[in-house]
Amino acid sequence: MGIVIFVFGFFSFISRWKHLLSVLLSLELMMLGVFVVMFGLVGCSAVGGWVGLVFLSFVVCEGGLGLGLIVSLVRCHGGDCLMGFVGDVGGSL
C-alpha cells in the first residue's frame, strides 16, 4: 500500500510541477508512502515507534519550511507559479 502511495505521489510530482503548492503536496504524499512502508518494516520491533516519530517530525518540519517558503514567495512575487523562475529557454540573446 505504501509503495502505491509513493508512486502516486511521484507521478503527481512529475506531472504538476508548475505551482509550488502542488509540488509540496506531492512531496508530502511521497513521504507518507515512505512512512507507511517504513512503519510496516520496523513497526513490529521495539525501536519502530521511535523511528516513526523521528521520521514524522522531519516530515512535519519539511512541510512547515515549505509553507513558509510559499508565504514568502507569494508576498514577494504575487504567486506560487514556478514558471517565472525557469527563465527564457531557447530565446534570443
C-alpha atoms as a PDB file:
ATOM      1  CA  MET A   1       0.000   0.000   0.000  1.00  0.00           C
ATOM      2  CA  GLY A   2       2.819   2.387   0.832  1.00  0.00           C
ATOM      3  CA  ILE A   3       4.539   1.796  -2.494  1.00  0.00           C
ATOM      4  CA  VAL A   4       1.310   2.639  -4.327  1.00  0.00           C
ATOM      5  CA  ILE A   5       1.027   5.884  -2.345  1.00  0.00           C
ATOM      6  CA  PHE A   6       4.657   6.710  -3.116  1.00  0.00           C
ATOM      7  CA  VAL A   7       4.253   6.020  -6.857  1.00  0.00           C
ATOM      8  CA  PHE A   8       1.062   8.089  -6.996  1.00  0.00           C
ATOM      9  CA  GLY A   9       2.867  10.974  -5.278  1.00  0.00           C
ATOM     10  CA  PHE A  10       5.815  10.625  -7.637  1.00  0.00           C
ATOM     11  CA  PHE A  11       3.626  10.777 -10.742  1.00  0.00           C
ATOM     12  CA  SER A  12       1.795  13.745  -9.269  1.00  0.00           C
ATOM     13  CA  PHE A  13       5.175  15.394  -8.634  1.00  0.00           C
ATOM     14  CA  ILE A  14       6.247  14.863 -12.237  1.00  0.00           C
ATOM     15  CA  SER A  15       3.012  15.994 -13.848  1.00  0.00           C
ATOM     16  CA  ARG A  16       2.126  19.003 -11.671  1.00  0.00           C
ATOM     17  CA  TRP A  17       5.357  20.924 -11.212  1.00  0.00           C
ATOM     18  CA  LYS A  18       4.152  24.367 -12.298  1.00  0.00           C
ATOM     19  CA  HIS A  19       2.979  25.501  -8.866  1.00  0.00           C
ATOM     20  CA  LEU A  20       4.992  25.203  -5.678  1.00  0.00           C
ATOM     21  CA  LEU A  21       1.993  24.195  -3.560  1.00  0.00           C
ATOM     22  CA  SER A  22       1.218  21.170  -5.743  1.00  0.00           C
ATOM     23  CA  VAL A  23       4.897  20.177  -5.697  1.00  0.00           C
ATOM     24  CA  LEU A  24       4.983  20.320  -1.905  1.00  0.00           C
ATOM     25  CA  LEU A  25       1.751  18.334  -1.590  1.00  0.00           C
ATOM     26  CA  SER A  26       3.201  15.683  -3.895  1.00  0.00           C
ATOM     27  CA  LEU A  27       6.345  15.504  -1.768  1.00  0.00           C
ATOM     28  CA  GLU A  28       4.233  15.113   1.361  1.00  0.00           C
ATOM     29  CA  LEU A  29       2.317  12.281  -0.303  1.00  0.00           C
ATOM     30  CA  MET A  30       5.602  10.592  -1.198  1.00  0.00           C
ATOM     31  CA  MET A  31       6.796  10.920   2.391  1.00  0.00           C
ATOM     32  CA  LEU A  32       3.533   9.401   3.604  1.00  0.00           C
ATOM     33  CA  GLY A  33       4.179   6.407   1.363  1.00  0.00           C
ATOM     34  CA  VAL A  34       7.720   6.070   2.713  1.00  0.00           C
ATOM     35  CA  PHE A  35       6.355   6.262   6.256  1.00  0.00           C
ATOM     36  CA  VAL A  36       3.800   3.506   5.609  1.00  0.00           C
ATOM     37  CA  VAL A  37       6.489   1.238   4.136  1.00  0.00           C
ATOM     38  CA  MET A  38       8.963   2.051   6.910  1.00  0.00           C
ATOM     39  CA  PHE A  39       6.399   1.527   9.649  1.00  0.00           C
ATOM     40  CA  GLY A  40       5.431  -1.788   8.094  1.00  0.00           C
ATOM     41  CA  LEU A  41       9.060  -2.934   8.111  1.00  0.00           C
ATOM     42  CA  VAL A  42      10.228  -1.719  11.511  1.00  0.00           C
ATOM     43  CA  GLY A  43       6.901  -1.207  13.233  1.00  0.00           C
ATOM     44  CA  CYS A  44       6.980  -4.622  14.875  1.00  0.00           C
ATOM     45  CA  SER A  45      10.250  -4.031  16.718  1.00  0.00           C
ATOM     46  CA  ALA A  46      10.648  -2.058  19.936  1.00  0.00           C
ATOM     47  CA  VAL A  47      12.546   0.723  18.152  1.00  0.00           C
ATOM     48  CA  GLY A  48       9.978   1.079  15.347  1.00  0.00           C
ATOM     49  CA  GLY A  49       7.760   3.544  17.206  1.00  0.00           C
ATOM     50  CA  TRP A  50      10.646   5.902  17.913  1.00  0.00           C
ATOM     51  CA  VAL A  51      11.955   5.717  14.366  1.00  0.00           C
ATOM     52  CA  GLY A  52       8.492   6.556  13.069  1.00  0.00           C
ATOM     53  CA  LEU A  53       8.170   9.544  15.389  1.00  0.00           C
ATOM     54  CA  VAL A  54      11.570  10.899  14.370  1.00  0.00           C
ATOM     55  CA  PHE A  55      10.709  10.455  10.691  1.00  0.00           C
ATOM     56  CA  LEU A  56       7.345  12.170  11.129  1.00  0.00           C
ATOM     57  CA  SER A  57       8.990  15.069  12.953  1.00  0.00           C
ATOM     58  CA  PHE A  58      11.348  15.585   9.994  1.00  0.00           C
ATOM     59  CA  VAL A  59       8.409  15.434   7.577  1.00  0.00           C
ATOM     60  CA  VAL A  60       6.474  18.000   9.617  1.00  0.00           C
ATOM     61  CA  CYS A  61       9.495  20.312   9.700  1.00  0.00           C
ATOM     62  CA  GLU A  62       9.840  19.961   5.928  1.00  0.00           C
ATOM     63  CA  GLY A  63       6.164  20.816   5.484  1.00  0.00           C
ATOM     64  CA  GLY A  64       6.430  23.868   7.735  1.00  0.00           C
ATOM     65  CA  LEU A  65       9.508  25.060   5.884  1.00  0.00           C
ATOM     66  CA  GLY A  66       7.710  24.617   2.560  1.00  0.00           C
ATOM     67  CA  LEU A  67       4.687  26.573   3.737  1.00  0.00           C
ATOM     68  CA  GLY A  68       6.959  29.365   4.943  1.00  0.00           C
ATOM     69  CA  LEU A  69       8.605  29.382   1.533  1.00  0.00           C
ATOM     70  CA  ILE A  70       5.225  29.645  -0.167  1.00  0.00           C
ATOM     71  CA  VAL A  71       4.179  32.578   2.053  1.00  0.00           C
ATOM     72  CA  SER A  72       7.452  34.374   1.333  1.00  0.00           C
ATOM     73  CA  LEU A  73       7.149  33.705  -2.398  1.00  0.00           C
ATOM     74  CA  VAL A  74       3.565  34.960  -2.574  1.00  0.00           C
ATOM     75  CA  ARG A  75       4.450  38.108  -0.655  1.00  0.00           C
ATOM     76  CA  CYS A  76       7.423  38.906  -2.880  1.00  0.00           C
ATOM     77  CA  HIS A  77       6.194  37.802  -6.316  1.00  0.00           C
ATOM     78  CA  GLY A  78       2.426  37.622  -6.007  1.00  0.00           C
ATOM     79  CA  GLY A  79       2.011  33.909  -6.693  1.00  0.00           C
ATOM     80  CA  ASP A  80       3.481  30.443  -6.405  1.00  0.00           C
ATOM     81  CA  CYS A  81       3.922  29.780 -10.115  1.00  0.00           C
ATOM     82  CA  LEU A  82       7.351  28.269 -10.730  1.00  0.00           C
ATOM     83  CA  MET A  83       7.364  29.012 -14.446  1.00  0.00           C
ATOM     84  CA  GLY A  84       8.540  32.565 -13.818  1.00  0.00           C
ATOM     85  CA  PHE A  85      11.772  31.242 -12.291  1.00  0.00           C
ATOM     86  CA  VAL A  86      12.721  28.929 -15.151  1.00  0.00           C
ATOM     87  CA  GLY A  87      13.871  31.719 -17.428  1.00  0.00           C
ATOM     88  CA  ASP A  88      13.777  32.158 -21.156  1.00  0.00           C
ATOM     89  CA  VAL A  89      14.573  28.770 -22.648  1.00  0.00           C
ATOM     90  CA  GLY A  90      15.630  28.915 -26.255  1.00  0.00           C
ATOM     91  CA  GLY A  91      15.133  32.654 -26.611  1.00  0.00           C
ATOM     92  CA  SER A  92      17.341  35.046 -28.497  1.00  0.00           C
ATOM     93  CA  LEU A  93      20.241  36.780 -26.822  1.00  0.00           C
END
